[in-house]
């Protein structure tokens, strides 16, 4: 009676136990993002941000050494940019070559730069 919304009566309803058991569940991505943020102060609340490309894909630099790429739309997006990658911290659907970044629809990446 004290719950804001009623509990779903379907026995196959989503639950935390099932989410933890499913490697494709968003809970695993959220945990990975939290871990990356804790390990990388420039990605935290007080890190500086510089927008490199304000359209699709959105590309911004955090601190001196991290690049974030986000393409929230369905269509693929490309930007001509030279990036010197040291390490990829997280990537889903982003391809980086010597002179461009290509983002599939609904893609994202966090890149550590040299």
C-alpha atoms as a PDB file:
ATOM      1  CA  UNK A   1       0.000   0.000   0.000  1.00  0.00           C
ATOM      2  CA  UNK A   2       2.945   2.340   0.577  1.00  0.00           C
ATOM      3  CA  UNK A   3       4.361   1.887  -2.944  1.00  0.00           C
ATOM      4  CA  UNK A   4       4.031   4.709  -5.462  1.00  0.00           C
ATOM      5  CA  UNK A   5       3.162   2.285  -8.258  1.00  0.00           C
ATOM      6  CA  UNK A   6       1.692  -1.193  -7.985  1.00  0.00           C
ATOM      7  CA  UNK A   7       4.015  -4.173  -8.497  1.00  0.00           C
ATOM      8  CA  UNK A   8       3.666  -5.822 -11.903  1.00  0.00           C
ATOM      9  CA  UNK A   9       1.788  -9.094 -11.385  1.00  0.00           C
ATOM     10  CA  UNK A  10       3.422 -10.834 -14.385  1.00  0.00           C
ATOM     11  CA  UNK A  11       5.749 -13.572 -13.054  1.00  0.00           C
ATOM     12  CA  UNK A  12       8.184 -12.774 -15.908  1.00  0.00           C
ATOM     13  CA  UNK A  13       8.433  -9.086 -14.929  1.00  0.00           C
ATOM     14  CA  UNK A  14      11.899  -7.514 -14.903  1.00  0.00           C
ATOM     15  CA  UNK A  15      13.782  -7.772 -11.648  1.00  0.00           C
ATOM     16  CA  UNK A  16      17.252  -7.037 -10.307  1.00  0.00           C
ATOM     17  CA  UNK A  17      18.305 -10.669 -10.041  1.00  0.00           C
ATOM     18  CA  UNK A  18      17.500 -11.284 -13.722  1.00  0.00           C
ATOM     19  CA  UNK A  19      19.222  -8.032 -14.746  1.00  0.00           C
ATOM     20  CA  UNK A  20      22.413  -9.011 -12.922  1.00  0.00           C
ATOM     21  CA  UNK A  21      22.352 -12.443 -14.583  1.00  0.00           C
ATOM     22  CA  UNK A  22      21.952 -10.916 -18.066  1.00  0.00           C
ATOM     23  CA  UNK A  23      25.289  -9.579 -19.429  1.00  0.00           C
ATOM     24  CA  UNK A  24      23.410  -7.343 -21.913  1.00  0.00           C
ATOM     25  CA  UNK A  25      21.374  -5.675 -19.156  1.00  0.00           C
ATOM     26  CA  UNK A  26      21.827  -1.907 -18.711  1.00  0.00           C
ATOM     27  CA  UNK A  27      22.922  -2.483 -15.110  1.00  0.00           C
ATOM     28  CA  UNK A  28      26.300  -3.743 -16.369  1.00  0.00           C
ATOM     29  CA  UNK A  29      26.834  -0.655 -18.536  1.00  0.00           C
ATOM     30  CA  UNK A  30      25.928   1.630 -15.623  1.00  0.00           C
ATOM     31  CA  UNK A  31      28.387  -0.192 -13.355  1.00  0.00           C
ATOM     32  CA  UNK A  32      31.104   0.123 -15.993  1.00  0.00           C
ATOM     33  CA  UNK A  33      30.427   3.853 -16.396  1.00  0.00           C
ATOM     34  CA  UNK A  34      30.567   4.396 -12.635  1.00  0.00           C
ATOM     35  CA  UNK A  35      33.875   2.513 -12.452  1.00  0.00           C
ATOM     36  CA  UNK A  36      35.381   4.566 -15.299  1.00  0.00           C
ATOM     37  CA  UNK A  37      34.200   7.806 -13.707  1.00  0.00           C
ATOM     38  CA  UNK A  38      35.653   6.898 -10.298  1.00  0.00           C
ATOM     39  CA  UNK A  39      39.002   5.985 -11.872  1.00  0.00           C
ATOM     40  CA  UNK A  40      39.146   9.098 -14.065  1.00  0.00           C
ATOM     41  CA  UNK A  41      38.739  12.422 -12.202  1.00  0.00           C
ATOM     42  CA  UNK A  42      38.463  14.478 -15.417  1.00  0.00           C
ATOM     43  CA  UNK A  43      35.234  12.595 -16.228  1.00  0.00           C
ATOM     44  CA  UNK A  44      33.738  13.549 -12.868  1.00  0.00           C
ATOM     45  CA  UNK A  45      31.439  16.394 -11.929  1.00  0.00           C
ATOM     46  CA  UNK A  46      34.125  19.069 -11.825  1.00  0.00           C
ATOM     47  CA  UNK A  47      36.029  18.078 -14.966  1.00  0.00           C
ATOM     48  CA  UNK A  48      36.401  20.660 -17.717  1.00  0.00           C
ATOM     49  CA  UNK A  49      34.476  20.076 -20.942  1.00  0.00           C
ATOM     50  CA  UNK A  50      35.272  21.488 -24.374  1.00  0.00           C
ATOM     51  CA  UNK A  51      32.822  20.821 -27.193  1.00  0.00           C
ATOM     52  CA  UNK A  52      34.716  19.787 -30.326  1.00  0.00           C
ATOM     53  CA  UNK A  53      31.671  19.055 -32.491  1.00  0.00           C
ATOM     54  CA  UNK A  54      28.199  20.156 -31.396  1.00  0.00           C
ATOM     55  CA  UNK A  55      26.162  18.278 -33.976  1.00  0.00           C
ATOM     56  CA  UNK A  56      26.012  14.548 -34.723  1.00  0.00           C
ATOM     57  CA  UNK A  57      28.035  12.907 -33.410  1.00  0.00           C
ATOM     58  CA  UNK A  58      28.452  15.055 -30.320  1.00  0.00           C
ATOM     59  CA  UNK A  59      32.180  15.073 -29.557  1.00  0.00           C
ATOM     60  CA  UNK A  60      33.661  16.739 -26.516  1.00  0.00           C
ATOM     61  CA  UNK A  61      36.917  16.696 -24.649  1.00  0.00           C
ATOM     62  CA  UNK A  62      37.022  16.179 -20.882  1.00  0.00           C
ATOM     63  CA  UNK A  63      40.152  17.491 -19.252  1.00  0.00           C
ATOM     64  CA  UNK A  64      43.257  17.207 -21.397  1.00  0.00           C
ATOM     65  CA  UNK A  65      43.188  13.506 -22.225  1.00  0.00           C
ATOM     66  CA  UNK A  66      39.660  12.184 -22.690  1.00  0.00           C
ATOM     67  CA  UNK A  67      37.351  12.363 -25.669  1.00  0.00           C
ATOM     68  CA  UNK A  68      33.661  11.452 -25.459  1.00  0.00           C
ATOM     69  CA  UNK A  69      31.655  10.608 -28.590  1.00  0.00           C
ATOM     70  CA  UNK A  70      27.864  10.254 -28.495  1.00  0.00           C
ATOM     71  CA  UNK A  71      25.461   9.694 -31.374  1.00  0.00           C
ATOM     72  CA  UNK A  72      21.937   9.562 -29.914  1.00  0.00           C
ATOM     73  CA  UNK A  73      20.134   9.326 -33.237  1.00  0.00           C
ATOM     74  CA  UNK A  74      19.330   6.308 -35.382  1.00  0.00           C
ATOM     75  CA  UNK A  75      21.375   7.423 -38.394  1.00  0.00           C
ATOM     76  CA  UNK A  76      25.110   6.971 -38.733  1.00  0.00           C
ATOM     77  CA  UNK A  77      27.198  10.123 -38.279  1.00  0.00           C
ATOM     78  CA  UNK A  78      30.733  11.032 -39.339  1.00  0.00           C
ATOM     79  CA  UNK A  79      33.115  13.829 -38.428  1.00  0.00           C
ATOM     80  CA  UNK A  80      36.488  14.599 -40.016  1.00  0.00           C
ATOM     81  CA  UNK A  81      38.886  14.880 -37.093  1.00  0.00           C
ATOM     82  CA  UNK A  82      42.391  13.714 -36.273  1.00  0.00           C
ATOM     83  CA  UNK A  83      42.544  11.811 -32.977  1.00  0.00           C
ATOM     84  CA  UNK A  84      45.600  10.243 -31.349  1.00  0.00           C
ATOM     85  CA  UNK A  85      44.128   7.370 -29.308  1.00  0.00           C
ATOM     86  CA  UNK A  86      46.064   5.976 -26.365  1.00  0.00           C
ATOM     87  CA  UNK A  87      43.360   3.651 -25.049  1.00  0.00           C
ATOM     88  CA  UNK A  88      39.644   3.022 -25.481  1.00  0.00           C
ATOM     89  CA  UNK A  89      37.830   3.014 -22.133  1.00  0.00           C
ATOM     90  CA  UNK A  90      34.361   2.247 -23.505  1.00  0.00           C
ATOM     91  CA  UNK A  91      33.051   1.796 -27.034  1.00  0.00           C
ATOM     92  CA  UNK A  92      29.800   0.747 -28.595  1.00  0.00           C
ATOM     93  CA  UNK A  93      29.551   1.398 -32.328  1.00  0.00           C
ATOM     94  CA  UNK A  94      32.234   4.085 -32.778  1.00  0.00           C
ATOM     95  CA  UNK A  95      35.065   3.620 -35.282  1.00  0.00           C
ATOM     96  CA  UNK A  96      38.095   5.903 -35.100  1.00  0.00           C
ATOM     97  CA  UNK A  97      40.589   6.146 -37.938  1.00  0.00           C
ATOM     98  CA  UNK A  98      43.507   8.499 -38.532  1.00  0.00           C
ATOM     99  CA  UNK A  99      41.302  11.281 -39.908  1.00  0.00           C
ATOM    100  CA  UNK A 100      37.677  10.635 -38.940  1.00  0.00           C
ATOM    101  CA  UNK A 101      35.240   9.291 -36.381  1.00  0.00           C
ATOM    102  CA  UNK A 102      32.296   7.231 -37.629  1.00  0.00           C
ATOM    103  CA  UNK A 103      29.438   6.618 -35.201  1.00  0.00           C
ATOM    104  CA  UNK A 104      26.750   4.059 -35.814  1.00  0.00           C
ATOM    105  CA  UNK A 105      23.248   4.969 -34.702  1.00  0.00           C
ATOM    106  CA  UNK A 106      22.846   5.072 -30.910  1.00  0.00           C
ATOM    107  CA  UNK A 107      26.599   4.753 -30.341  1.00  0.00           C
ATOM    108  CA  UNK A 108      29.035   6.072 -27.757  1.00  0.00           C
ATOM    109  CA  UNK A 109      32.696   5.953 -26.792  1.00  0.00           C
ATOM    110  CA  UNK A 110      35.079   7.246 -24.145  1.00  0.00           C
ATOM    111  CA  UNK A 111      38.622   7.515 -25.452  1.00  0.00           C
ATOM    112  CA  UNK A 112      41.870   8.286 -23.631  1.00  0.00           C
ATOM    113  CA  UNK A 113      44.143  10.421 -25.801  1.00  0.00           C
ATOM    114  CA  UNK A 114      47.943  10.492 -26.024  1.00  0.00           C
END
